[in-house]
N, C-alpha and C. Protein backbone atom coordinates (compact mmCIF):
# COMPACT_ATOMS: atom_id res chain seq x y z
N MET A 1 92.75 98.67 97.90
CA MET A 1 92.33 99.13 96.60
C MET A 1 92.84 98.21 95.50
N LEU A 2 93.98 97.61 95.70
CA LEU A 2 94.54 96.75 94.66
C LEU A 2 93.83 95.41 94.54
N THR A 3 93.04 95.05 95.52
CA THR A 3 92.32 93.78 95.44
C THR A 3 91.15 93.86 94.48
N GLY A 4 90.77 95.07 94.09
CA GLY A 4 89.68 95.25 93.14
C GLY A 4 88.35 95.42 93.81
N SER A 5 87.45 96.11 93.14
CA SER A 5 86.09 96.33 93.62
C SER A 5 86.06 96.90 95.03
N SER A 6 86.95 97.88 95.29
CA SER A 6 87.01 98.48 96.63
C SER A 6 85.77 99.30 96.94
N GLY A 7 85.13 99.83 95.90
CA GLY A 7 83.96 100.66 96.11
C GLY A 7 84.29 102.12 96.37
N PHE A 8 85.57 102.46 96.44
CA PHE A 8 85.97 103.85 96.69
C PHE A 8 85.86 104.67 95.42
N ASP A 9 85.27 105.86 95.55
CA ASP A 9 85.25 106.81 94.44
C ASP A 9 86.38 107.81 94.59
N VAL A 10 86.69 108.17 95.84
CA VAL A 10 87.73 109.15 96.13
C VAL A 10 88.56 108.61 97.28
N VAL A 11 89.87 108.70 97.16
CA VAL A 11 90.77 108.35 98.25
C VAL A 11 91.68 109.54 98.50
N ALA A 12 92.16 109.67 99.72
CA ALA A 12 93.01 110.80 100.08
C ALA A 12 94.33 110.26 100.64
N PRO A 13 95.25 109.89 99.75
CA PRO A 13 96.52 109.35 100.22
C PRO A 13 97.42 110.47 100.72
N VAL A 14 98.41 110.10 101.51
CA VAL A 14 99.42 111.08 101.91
C VAL A 14 100.49 111.09 100.84
N ALA A 15 101.06 112.26 100.59
CA ALA A 15 101.98 112.46 99.48
C ALA A 15 103.14 111.46 99.42
N PRO A 16 103.78 111.13 100.53
CA PRO A 16 104.94 110.23 100.42
C PRO A 16 104.63 108.86 99.81
N TYR A 17 103.39 108.40 99.88
CA TYR A 17 103.03 107.09 99.34
C TYR A 17 102.38 107.16 97.96
N MET A 18 101.99 108.35 97.56
CA MET A 18 101.22 108.50 96.33
C MET A 18 101.98 107.98 95.12
N GLN A 19 103.26 108.30 94.99
CA GLN A 19 104.04 107.90 93.83
C GLN A 19 104.07 106.37 93.69
N ARG A 20 104.29 105.69 94.80
CA ARG A 20 104.33 104.22 94.79
C ARG A 20 102.96 103.65 94.44
N GLU A 21 101.90 104.25 94.98
CA GLU A 21 100.55 103.76 94.72
C GLU A 21 100.16 103.98 93.26
N ILE A 22 100.58 105.09 92.68
CA ILE A 22 100.31 105.35 91.26
C ILE A 22 101.02 104.31 90.40
N ARG A 23 102.31 104.06 90.70
CA ARG A 23 103.07 103.06 89.93
C ARG A 23 102.45 101.67 90.04
N SER A 24 101.84 101.37 91.18
CA SER A 24 101.25 100.03 91.38
C SER A 24 99.92 99.87 90.65
N GLY A 25 99.37 100.98 90.14
CA GLY A 25 98.09 100.91 89.45
C GLY A 25 96.89 101.02 90.37
N ALA A 26 97.11 101.55 91.57
CA ALA A 26 96.02 101.65 92.55
C ALA A 26 94.96 102.67 92.14
N TYR A 27 95.32 103.62 91.30
CA TYR A 27 94.39 104.69 90.94
C TYR A 27 94.12 104.69 89.45
N LEU A 28 92.91 105.09 89.11
CA LEU A 28 92.58 105.29 87.70
C LEU A 28 93.14 106.62 87.23
N VAL A 29 93.35 106.74 85.94
CA VAL A 29 93.76 108.01 85.35
C VAL A 29 92.56 108.94 85.38
N LEU A 30 92.78 110.18 85.76
CA LEU A 30 91.70 111.16 85.81
C LEU A 30 91.18 111.48 84.42
N ASP A 31 89.89 111.56 84.28
CA ASP A 31 89.28 112.02 83.03
C ASP A 31 89.09 113.52 83.19
N LYS A 32 90.06 114.28 82.74
CA LYS A 32 90.06 115.73 82.96
C LYS A 32 88.91 116.44 82.24
N LYS A 33 88.33 115.80 81.23
CA LYS A 33 87.16 116.38 80.56
C LYS A 33 85.98 116.48 81.53
N GLN A 34 85.96 115.56 82.50
CA GLN A 34 84.86 115.57 83.47
C GLN A 34 85.18 116.41 84.70
N LEU A 35 86.33 117.05 84.70
CA LEU A 35 86.75 117.89 85.83
C LEU A 35 87.09 119.29 85.35
N PRO A 36 86.10 120.04 84.87
CA PRO A 36 86.38 121.35 84.28
C PRO A 36 86.96 122.36 85.27
N ASN A 37 86.74 122.15 86.56
CA ASN A 37 87.24 123.11 87.54
C ASN A 37 88.70 122.89 87.93
N LEU A 38 89.36 121.92 87.30
CA LEU A 38 90.79 121.74 87.56
C LEU A 38 91.55 123.03 87.28
N ALA A 39 91.09 123.77 86.30
CA ALA A 39 91.75 125.03 85.94
C ALA A 39 91.69 126.05 87.06
N ASN A 40 90.76 125.88 87.99
CA ASN A 40 90.60 126.83 89.09
C ASN A 40 91.42 126.49 90.33
N LEU A 41 92.09 125.33 90.34
CA LEU A 41 92.88 124.94 91.50
C LEU A 41 94.16 125.77 91.57
N ASP A 42 94.62 126.01 92.76
CA ASP A 42 95.81 126.83 93.00
C ASP A 42 97.03 126.18 92.33
N SER A 43 97.67 126.91 91.44
CA SER A 43 98.79 126.34 90.68
C SER A 43 99.98 126.01 91.58
N ALA A 44 100.18 126.76 92.66
CA ALA A 44 101.28 126.45 93.59
C ALA A 44 101.03 125.12 94.29
N LEU A 45 99.78 124.86 94.68
CA LEU A 45 99.46 123.59 95.31
C LEU A 45 99.54 122.45 94.30
N MET A 46 99.08 122.70 93.10
CA MET A 46 99.12 121.65 92.09
C MET A 46 100.55 121.31 91.71
N SER A 47 101.47 122.27 91.79
CA SER A 47 102.87 121.96 91.51
C SER A 47 103.43 121.02 92.57
N ARG A 48 102.90 121.09 93.77
CA ARG A 48 103.32 120.16 94.83
C ARG A 48 102.76 118.75 94.56
N VAL A 49 101.57 118.67 94.01
CA VAL A 49 101.01 117.37 93.61
C VAL A 49 101.88 116.77 92.51
N ALA A 50 102.34 117.61 91.59
CA ALA A 50 103.13 117.14 90.45
C ALA A 50 104.46 116.52 90.87
N ILE A 51 104.92 116.82 92.07
CA ILE A 51 106.15 116.19 92.56
C ILE A 51 105.97 114.68 92.62
N ASN A 52 104.80 114.24 93.05
CA ASN A 52 104.52 112.81 93.17
C ASN A 52 103.67 112.26 92.03
N ASP A 53 103.06 113.13 91.27
CA ASP A 53 102.23 112.71 90.14
C ASP A 53 102.53 113.62 88.95
N PRO A 54 103.69 113.43 88.32
CA PRO A 54 104.05 114.28 87.18
C PRO A 54 102.95 114.24 86.11
N GLY A 55 102.57 115.39 85.63
CA GLY A 55 101.52 115.47 84.63
C GLY A 55 100.12 115.51 85.22
N ILE A 56 100.04 115.38 86.55
CA ILE A 56 98.74 115.41 87.24
C ILE A 56 97.77 114.47 86.54
N THR A 57 98.16 113.22 86.43
CA THR A 57 97.31 112.25 85.73
C THR A 57 96.39 111.47 86.66
N ASN A 58 96.75 111.40 87.95
CA ASN A 58 95.99 110.57 88.87
C ASN A 58 95.51 111.29 90.13
N ALA A 59 96.02 112.48 90.40
CA ALA A 59 95.73 113.12 91.69
C ALA A 59 95.51 114.63 91.55
N VAL A 60 94.70 115.15 92.44
CA VAL A 60 94.50 116.59 92.57
C VAL A 60 94.45 116.92 94.06
N VAL A 61 94.55 118.20 94.36
CA VAL A 61 94.43 118.63 95.75
C VAL A 61 92.98 118.48 96.18
N TYR A 62 92.79 117.80 97.28
CA TYR A 62 91.43 117.65 97.81
C TYR A 62 91.23 118.60 98.98
N THR A 63 92.14 118.60 99.90
CA THR A 63 92.11 119.55 101.01
C THR A 63 93.52 120.06 101.24
N TRP A 64 93.60 121.22 101.83
CA TRP A 64 94.90 121.78 102.17
C TRP A 64 94.69 122.70 103.34
N GLY A 65 95.49 122.54 104.36
CA GLY A 65 95.36 123.45 105.49
C GLY A 65 95.62 122.76 106.81
N THR A 66 95.14 123.35 107.84
CA THR A 66 95.33 122.85 109.19
C THR A 66 93.99 122.38 109.74
N PHE A 67 94.02 121.29 110.44
CA PHE A 67 92.81 120.76 111.04
C PHE A 67 92.91 120.87 112.55
N GLY A 68 91.81 121.13 113.19
CA GLY A 68 91.77 121.18 114.64
C GLY A 68 90.73 120.22 115.17
N ILE A 69 90.92 119.80 116.39
CA ILE A 69 89.97 118.90 117.02
C ILE A 69 89.46 119.57 118.28
N GLY A 70 88.15 119.73 118.38
CA GLY A 70 87.53 120.27 119.58
C GLY A 70 87.02 119.14 120.44
N TYR A 71 87.11 119.30 121.73
CA TYR A 71 86.61 118.26 122.62
C TYR A 71 86.06 118.88 123.89
N ASN A 72 85.16 118.15 124.52
CA ASN A 72 84.54 118.57 125.77
C ASN A 72 85.36 117.95 126.90
N GLU A 73 86.12 118.79 127.61
CA GLU A 73 87.02 118.29 128.65
C GLU A 73 86.29 117.46 129.70
N LYS A 74 85.11 117.89 130.07
CA LYS A 74 84.35 117.17 131.09
C LYS A 74 84.00 115.76 130.62
N LYS A 75 83.53 115.65 129.38
CA LYS A 75 83.15 114.34 128.83
C LYS A 75 84.38 113.43 128.69
N VAL A 76 85.50 113.99 128.26
CA VAL A 76 86.71 113.19 128.13
C VAL A 76 87.15 112.71 129.51
N ALA A 77 87.12 113.60 130.50
CA ALA A 77 87.52 113.22 131.87
C ALA A 77 86.61 112.14 132.43
N GLU A 78 85.32 112.20 132.11
CA GLU A 78 84.39 111.16 132.56
C GLU A 78 84.69 109.82 131.89
N ALA A 79 84.96 109.87 130.60
CA ALA A 79 85.20 108.64 129.85
C ALA A 79 86.58 108.05 130.11
N LEU A 80 87.55 108.94 130.34
CA LEU A 80 88.95 108.52 130.55
C LEU A 80 89.49 109.20 131.80
N PRO A 81 89.10 108.75 132.96
CA PRO A 81 89.42 109.45 134.20
C PRO A 81 90.91 109.60 134.50
N ASN A 82 91.75 108.79 133.94
CA ASN A 82 93.19 108.88 134.23
C ASN A 82 93.96 109.55 133.12
N THR A 83 93.29 110.34 132.30
CA THR A 83 93.92 111.01 131.17
C THR A 83 94.23 112.45 131.54
N LEU A 84 95.46 112.87 131.24
CA LEU A 84 95.87 114.25 131.47
C LEU A 84 95.55 115.06 130.22
N LEU A 85 94.72 116.08 130.37
CA LEU A 85 94.38 116.96 129.26
C LEU A 85 95.19 118.24 129.39
N ILE A 86 95.82 118.62 128.30
CA ILE A 86 96.63 119.84 128.31
C ILE A 86 95.98 120.83 127.36
N ALA A 87 95.49 121.93 127.89
CA ALA A 87 94.81 122.94 127.08
C ALA A 87 95.80 123.56 126.11
N GLY A 88 95.36 123.72 124.87
CA GLY A 88 96.19 124.37 123.86
C GLY A 88 97.26 123.47 123.27
N ALA A 89 97.26 122.22 123.65
CA ALA A 89 98.30 121.32 123.12
C ALA A 89 97.93 120.85 121.74
């Protein structure tokens, strides 16, 4: 992103790196006038964003929660015959 003209409109950094990336100028300042629904975001989650972006000038919550990955055991076993699959892992 720092090389310029990355073409990205939205990036989803992990919190531990966000503060350093903001200081480096990797992100534009949010135009809050164009984001009227910011007022509807969960204030508890936004307070966590503020830890790394005081004043919420460059970042907002994009997703929050747990992600799962579903897979077809038969297809995985065919593609990777020596792989041990553990159900529920």
